[in-house]
């Protein structure tokens, strides 16, 4: 069940300030307040989805396509597509998802190391 009082919901409603780098009617992207890389952007749909799994199950095709086009646009606008970047999504307890609102992390700006 979606928690309307999670921190991302409050940010989307404008109750908590953030460093926005992109916003439209459907998507918000902002700088992470505890960056894990020199560039660390969070990208989230504004609609109420608990996780990636929830988003993919409930969003329509246009919403999904728009979301991923925004992720690509942000990476191009930041010029990180040349040197590379990581797009990551934590899902659920075992995936270490800490905020119950679907979001992706874009990490870049240094070699990020192997995953596993």
N, C-alpha and C. Protein backbone atom coordinates (compact mmCIF):
# COMPACT_ATOMS: atom_id res chain seq x y z
N UNK A 1 0.84 -1.18 0.00
CA UNK A 1 0.00 0.00 0.00
C UNK A 1 0.89 1.26 0.00
N UNK A 2 0.53 2.24 -0.78
CA UNK A 2 1.32 3.46 -0.90
C UNK A 2 1.15 4.36 0.32
N UNK A 3 2.26 4.85 0.85
CA UNK A 3 2.25 5.78 1.99
C UNK A 3 2.33 7.20 1.46
N UNK A 4 1.22 7.94 1.54
CA UNK A 4 1.15 9.31 1.01
C UNK A 4 2.03 10.30 1.80
N UNK A 5 2.62 9.86 2.90
CA UNK A 5 3.47 10.73 3.70
C UNK A 5 4.94 10.37 3.61
N UNK A 6 5.32 9.55 2.63
CA UNK A 6 6.75 9.27 2.47
C UNK A 6 7.45 10.55 2.00
N UNK A 7 8.74 10.61 2.19
CA UNK A 7 9.49 11.86 1.91
C UNK A 7 9.38 12.28 0.45
N UNK A 8 9.35 11.34 -0.49
CA UNK A 8 9.24 11.71 -1.90
C UNK A 8 7.86 12.28 -2.21
N UNK A 9 6.82 11.75 -1.60
CA UNK A 9 5.49 12.31 -1.78
C UNK A 9 5.44 13.75 -1.28
N UNK A 10 6.10 14.00 -0.16
CA UNK A 10 6.15 15.37 0.39
C UNK A 10 6.94 16.30 -0.52
N UNK A 11 8.02 15.80 -1.11
CA UNK A 11 8.82 16.60 -2.04
C UNK A 11 7.98 16.92 -3.28
N UNK A 12 7.30 15.92 -3.82
CA UNK A 12 6.46 16.13 -5.01
C UNK A 12 5.39 17.19 -4.73
N UNK A 13 4.82 17.17 -3.54
CA UNK A 13 3.78 18.15 -3.18
C UNK A 13 4.37 19.53 -2.84
N UNK A 14 5.69 19.65 -2.79
CA UNK A 14 6.34 20.93 -2.48
C UNK A 14 6.44 21.21 -1.00
N UNK A 15 6.23 20.24 -0.16
CA UNK A 15 6.30 20.43 1.29
C UNK A 15 7.73 20.40 1.81
N UNK A 16 8.64 19.79 1.06
CA UNK A 16 10.05 19.71 1.43
C UNK A 16 10.85 20.20 0.23
N UNK A 17 11.76 21.14 0.43
CA UNK A 17 12.55 21.64 -0.70
C UNK A 17 13.58 20.61 -1.16
N UNK A 18 13.96 20.71 -2.42
CA UNK A 18 14.98 19.83 -2.99
C UNK A 18 15.69 20.55 -4.12
N UNK A 19 16.82 20.01 -4.55
CA UNK A 19 17.55 20.56 -5.69
C UNK A 19 17.07 19.85 -6.95
N UNK A 20 16.04 20.38 -7.55
CA UNK A 20 15.47 19.78 -8.76
C UNK A 20 16.40 20.02 -9.94
N UNK A 21 16.51 18.97 -10.77
CA UNK A 21 17.25 19.16 -12.01
C UNK A 21 16.36 18.95 -13.23
N UNK A 22 15.18 18.37 -12.99
CA UNK A 22 14.20 18.20 -14.07
C UNK A 22 12.83 18.03 -13.42
N UNK A 23 11.82 18.60 -14.09
CA UNK A 23 10.45 18.37 -13.64
C UNK A 23 9.49 18.61 -14.79
N UNK A 24 8.52 17.72 -14.89
CA UNK A 24 7.38 17.92 -15.78
C UNK A 24 6.14 17.41 -15.05
N UNK A 25 5.06 17.22 -15.76
CA UNK A 25 3.81 16.81 -15.12
C UNK A 25 3.88 15.41 -14.52
N UNK A 26 4.77 14.57 -15.05
CA UNK A 26 4.82 13.16 -14.64
C UNK A 26 6.06 12.75 -13.88
N UNK A 27 7.16 13.49 -14.01
CA UNK A 27 8.45 13.05 -13.50
C UNK A 27 9.16 14.18 -12.76
N UNK A 28 9.85 13.81 -11.70
CA UNK A 28 10.71 14.74 -10.96
C UNK A 28 12.09 14.10 -10.82
N UNK A 29 13.13 14.88 -11.08
CA UNK A 29 14.50 14.42 -10.87
C UNK A 29 15.20 15.44 -9.99
N UNK A 30 16.00 14.93 -9.05
CA UNK A 30 16.66 15.81 -8.08
C UNK A 30 18.01 15.22 -7.68
N UNK A 31 18.84 16.09 -7.13
CA UNK A 31 20.12 15.63 -6.59
C UNK A 31 19.88 14.86 -5.30
N UNK A 32 20.63 13.77 -5.13
CA UNK A 32 20.54 13.00 -3.89
C UNK A 32 21.22 13.80 -2.78
N UNK A 33 20.63 13.81 -1.59
CA UNK A 33 21.20 14.58 -0.48
C UNK A 33 22.40 13.87 0.15
N UNK A 34 22.60 12.60 -0.13
CA UNK A 34 23.75 11.84 0.37
C UNK A 34 24.37 11.11 -0.83
N UNK A 35 25.05 11.86 -1.71
CA UNK A 35 25.50 11.25 -2.97
C UNK A 35 26.53 10.13 -2.77
N UNK A 36 26.35 9.07 -3.57
CA UNK A 36 27.28 7.95 -3.57
C UNK A 36 28.31 8.07 -4.70
N UNK A 37 28.21 9.12 -5.49
CA UNK A 37 29.13 9.42 -6.59
C UNK A 37 29.07 10.91 -6.84
N UNK A 38 30.07 11.46 -7.57
CA UNK A 38 30.04 12.90 -7.85
C UNK A 38 28.73 13.37 -8.47
N UNK A 39 28.14 12.55 -9.33
CA UNK A 39 26.81 12.82 -9.87
C UNK A 39 25.89 11.73 -9.34
N UNK A 40 24.87 12.12 -8.61
CA UNK A 40 23.90 11.16 -8.06
C UNK A 40 22.53 11.80 -8.11
N UNK A 41 21.76 11.36 -9.08
CA UNK A 41 20.44 11.93 -9.35
C UNK A 41 19.38 10.88 -9.04
N UNK A 42 18.31 11.30 -8.42
CA UNK A 42 17.14 10.45 -8.19
C UNK A 42 16.06 10.86 -9.18
N UNK A 43 15.47 9.89 -9.84
CA UNK A 43 14.41 10.15 -10.81
C UNK A 43 13.18 9.37 -10.37
N UNK A 44 12.04 10.06 -10.20
CA UNK A 44 10.85 9.39 -9.72
C UNK A 44 9.61 9.83 -10.47
N UNK A 45 8.71 8.89 -10.69
CA UNK A 45 7.42 9.30 -11.24
C UNK A 45 6.64 10.03 -10.15
N UNK A 46 5.83 10.97 -10.55
CA UNK A 46 5.03 11.71 -9.56
C UNK A 46 3.81 10.91 -9.10
N UNK A 47 3.40 9.94 -9.88
CA UNK A 47 2.25 9.11 -9.50
C UNK A 47 2.65 8.18 -8.35
N UNK A 48 1.66 7.63 -7.70
CA UNK A 48 1.86 6.84 -6.49
C UNK A 48 2.17 5.37 -6.78
N UNK A 49 3.47 5.10 -6.93
CA UNK A 49 3.95 3.73 -7.13
C UNK A 49 4.93 3.42 -6.01
N UNK A 50 4.78 2.28 -5.38
CA UNK A 50 5.62 1.91 -4.24
C UNK A 50 7.02 1.52 -4.68
N UNK A 51 7.14 0.85 -5.82
CA UNK A 51 8.43 0.31 -6.26
C UNK A 51 8.46 0.19 -7.78
N UNK A 52 9.60 -0.20 -8.29
CA UNK A 52 9.74 -0.48 -9.72
C UNK A 52 8.73 -1.54 -10.14
N UNK A 53 8.62 -2.58 -9.36
CA UNK A 53 7.70 -3.67 -9.66
C UNK A 53 6.26 -3.15 -9.75
N UNK A 54 5.87 -2.33 -8.81
CA UNK A 54 4.54 -1.72 -8.78
C UNK A 54 4.33 -0.82 -10.00
N UNK A 55 5.34 -0.01 -10.32
CA UNK A 55 5.29 0.90 -11.47
C UNK A 55 5.08 0.11 -12.76
N UNK A 56 5.87 -0.93 -12.96
CA UNK A 56 5.77 -1.71 -14.20
C UNK A 56 4.45 -2.47 -14.29
N UNK A 57 3.87 -2.84 -13.16
CA UNK A 57 2.60 -3.56 -13.16
C UNK A 57 1.40 -2.64 -13.40
N UNK A 58 1.49 -1.40 -12.95
CA UNK A 58 0.32 -0.52 -12.96
C UNK A 58 0.36 0.65 -13.94
N UNK A 59 1.53 1.13 -14.30
CA UNK A 59 1.63 2.28 -15.20
C UNK A 59 1.29 1.86 -16.63
N UNK A 60 0.78 2.80 -17.40
CA UNK A 60 0.51 2.48 -18.80
C UNK A 60 1.79 2.62 -19.63
N UNK A 61 1.74 2.12 -20.85
CA UNK A 61 2.94 2.10 -21.70
C UNK A 61 3.50 3.49 -21.96
N UNK A 62 2.63 4.48 -22.13
CA UNK A 62 3.08 5.84 -22.40
C UNK A 62 3.82 6.41 -21.19
N UNK A 63 3.30 6.15 -20.01
CA UNK A 63 3.93 6.64 -18.78
C UNK A 63 5.31 6.00 -18.59
N UNK A 64 5.39 4.72 -18.83
CA UNK A 64 6.67 4.00 -18.70
C UNK A 64 7.68 4.54 -19.71
N UNK A 65 7.26 4.67 -20.95
CA UNK A 65 8.16 5.17 -22.00
C UNK A 65 8.63 6.58 -21.67
N UNK A 66 7.72 7.44 -21.25
CA UNK A 66 8.08 8.81 -20.92
C UNK A 66 9.11 8.83 -19.78
N UNK A 67 8.89 8.04 -18.77
CA UNK A 67 9.81 7.99 -17.62
C UNK A 67 11.23 7.66 -18.09
N UNK A 68 11.37 6.60 -18.89
CA UNK A 68 12.70 6.19 -19.33
C UNK A 68 13.30 7.16 -20.34
N UNK A 69 12.49 7.83 -21.13
CA UNK A 69 13.01 8.88 -22.02
C UNK A 69 13.56 10.04 -21.20
N UNK A 70 12.91 10.36 -20.08
CA UNK A 70 13.42 11.41 -19.19
C UNK A 70 14.75 11.00 -18.59
N UNK A 71 14.88 9.75 -18.17
CA UNK A 71 16.17 9.27 -17.64
C UNK A 71 17.26 9.46 -18.68
N UNK A 72 16.99 9.07 -19.92
CA UNK A 72 17.97 9.23 -20.99
C UNK A 72 18.28 10.70 -21.26
N UNK A 73 17.27 11.56 -21.24
CA UNK A 73 17.47 13.00 -21.47
C UNK A 73 18.37 13.59 -20.39
N UNK A 74 18.13 13.22 -19.15
CA UNK A 74 18.95 13.73 -18.04
C UNK A 74 20.40 13.32 -18.25
N UNK A 75 20.63 12.06 -18.61
CA UNK A 75 22.01 11.59 -18.82
C UNK A 75 22.67 12.33 -19.98
N UNK A 76 21.92 12.58 -21.04
CA UNK A 76 22.46 13.36 -22.17
C UNK A 76 22.72 14.80 -21.76
N UNK A 77 21.78 15.42 -21.06
CA UNK A 77 21.93 16.81 -20.64
C UNK A 77 23.13 16.99 -19.71
N UNK A 78 23.43 15.98 -18.90
CA UNK A 78 24.58 16.05 -17.98
C UNK A 78 25.88 15.63 -18.65
N UNK A 79 25.80 15.23 -19.93
CA UNK A 79 26.96 14.78 -20.70
C UNK A 79 27.68 13.60 -20.05
N UNK A 80 26.93 12.73 -19.41
CA UNK A 80 27.56 11.57 -18.78
C UNK A 80 27.49 10.34 -19.68
N UNK A 81 26.80 10.45 -20.80
CA UNK A 81 26.69 9.31 -21.71
C UNK A 81 28.01 8.95 -22.36
N UNK A 82 28.93 9.91 -22.46
CA UNK A 82 30.23 9.66 -23.10
C UNK A 82 31.11 8.77 -22.22
N UNK A 83 31.23 9.09 -20.93
CA UNK A 83 32.12 8.35 -20.04
C UNK A 83 31.42 7.20 -19.31
N UNK A 84 30.12 7.20 -19.32
CA UNK A 84 29.38 6.11 -18.72
C UNK A 84 28.73 6.47 -17.40
N UNK A 85 27.75 5.69 -17.05
CA UNK A 85 26.98 5.93 -15.83
C UNK A 85 26.29 4.64 -15.43
N UNK A 86 25.72 4.62 -14.26
CA UNK A 86 24.96 3.48 -13.77
C UNK A 86 23.55 3.94 -13.44
N UNK A 87 22.56 3.16 -13.85
CA UNK A 87 21.17 3.38 -13.48
C UNK A 87 20.79 2.21 -12.59
N UNK A 88 20.28 2.53 -11.42
CA UNK A 88 20.06 1.50 -10.41
C UNK A 88 18.72 1.73 -9.72
N UNK A 89 18.07 0.64 -9.36
CA UNK A 89 16.79 0.73 -8.66
C UNK A 89 16.77 -0.32 -7.55
N UNK A 90 16.56 0.12 -6.34
CA UNK A 90 16.43 -0.79 -5.20
C UNK A 90 14.95 -1.11 -5.01
N UNK A 91 14.66 -2.39 -4.80
CA UNK A 91 13.26 -2.82 -4.71
C UNK A 91 13.09 -3.68 -3.46
N UNK A 92 12.24 -3.21 -2.57
CA UNK A 92 11.89 -4.00 -1.38
C UNK A 92 12.99 -4.10 -0.34
N UNK A 93 12.68 -4.83 0.70
CA UNK A 93 13.58 -4.97 1.85
C UNK A 93 14.93 -5.57 1.45
N UNK A 94 14.92 -6.69 0.74
CA UNK A 94 16.18 -7.33 0.36
C UNK A 94 16.96 -6.52 -0.66
N UNK A 95 16.28 -5.68 -1.41
CA UNK A 95 16.94 -4.79 -2.37
C UNK A 95 17.40 -3.48 -1.74
N UNK A 96 17.17 -3.33 -0.43
CA UNK A 96 17.58 -2.14 0.33
C UNK A 96 16.85 -0.88 -0.10
N UNK A 97 15.57 -1.01 -0.51
CA UNK A 97 14.77 0.18 -0.81
C UNK A 97 14.39 0.84 0.51
N UNK A 98 14.78 2.09 0.69
CA UNK A 98 14.54 2.78 1.95
C UNK A 98 13.34 3.71 1.92
N UNK A 99 12.92 4.13 0.73
CA UNK A 99 11.76 5.02 0.60
C UNK A 99 10.73 4.31 -0.27
N UNK A 100 9.50 4.12 0.23
CA UNK A 100 8.50 3.36 -0.51
C UNK A 100 7.80 4.16 -1.61
N UNK A 101 8.61 4.72 -2.50
CA UNK A 101 8.13 5.41 -3.70
C UNK A 101 9.10 5.04 -4.81
N UNK A 102 8.60 4.57 -5.94
CA UNK A 102 9.46 4.16 -7.04
C UNK A 102 10.43 5.26 -7.42
N UNK A 103 11.71 4.91 -7.50
CA UNK A 103 12.71 5.86 -7.95
C UNK A 103 13.92 5.12 -8.49
N UNK A 104 14.62 5.78 -9.41
CA UNK A 104 15.87 5.27 -9.95
C UNK A 104 17.00 6.19 -9.52
N UNK A 105 18.18 5.62 -9.38
CA UNK A 105 19.39 6.37 -9.10
C UNK A 105 20.21 6.41 -10.39
N UNK A 106 20.70 7.59 -10.74
CA UNK A 106 21.69 7.74 -11.80
C UNK A 106 22.98 8.12 -11.11
N UNK A 107 24.02 7.30 -11.30
CA UNK A 107 25.32 7.52 -10.67
C UNK A 107 26.37 7.70 -11.76
N UNK A 108 27.23 8.70 -11.60
CA UNK A 108 28.26 8.96 -12.61
C UNK A 108 29.32 9.88 -12.03
N UNK A 109 30.31 10.18 -12.86
CA UNK A 109 31.33 11.15 -12.50
C UNK A 109 32.64 10.54 -12.01
N UNK A 110 32.69 9.22 -11.92
CA UNK A 110 33.91 8.52 -11.53
C UNK A 110 33.72 7.04 -11.89
N UNK A 111 34.83 6.27 -11.93
CA UNK A 111 34.65 4.82 -12.10
C UNK A 111 33.88 4.28 -10.89
N UNK A 112 32.83 3.53 -11.17
CA UNK A 112 31.93 3.09 -10.10
C UNK A 112 32.24 1.69 -9.57
N UNK A 113 33.17 1.01 -10.18
CA UNK A 113 33.54 -0.32 -9.69
C UNK A 113 32.57 -1.39 -10.16
N UNK A 114 32.98 -2.61 -9.90
CA UNK A 114 32.16 -3.75 -10.29
C UNK A 114 31.00 -3.94 -9.34
N UNK A 115 29.97 -4.57 -9.83
CA UNK A 115 28.79 -4.87 -9.01
C UNK A 115 28.81 -6.38 -8.72
N UNK A 116 29.47 -6.77 -7.67
CA UNK A 116 29.44 -8.19 -7.29
C UNK A 116 30.57 -9.01 -7.76
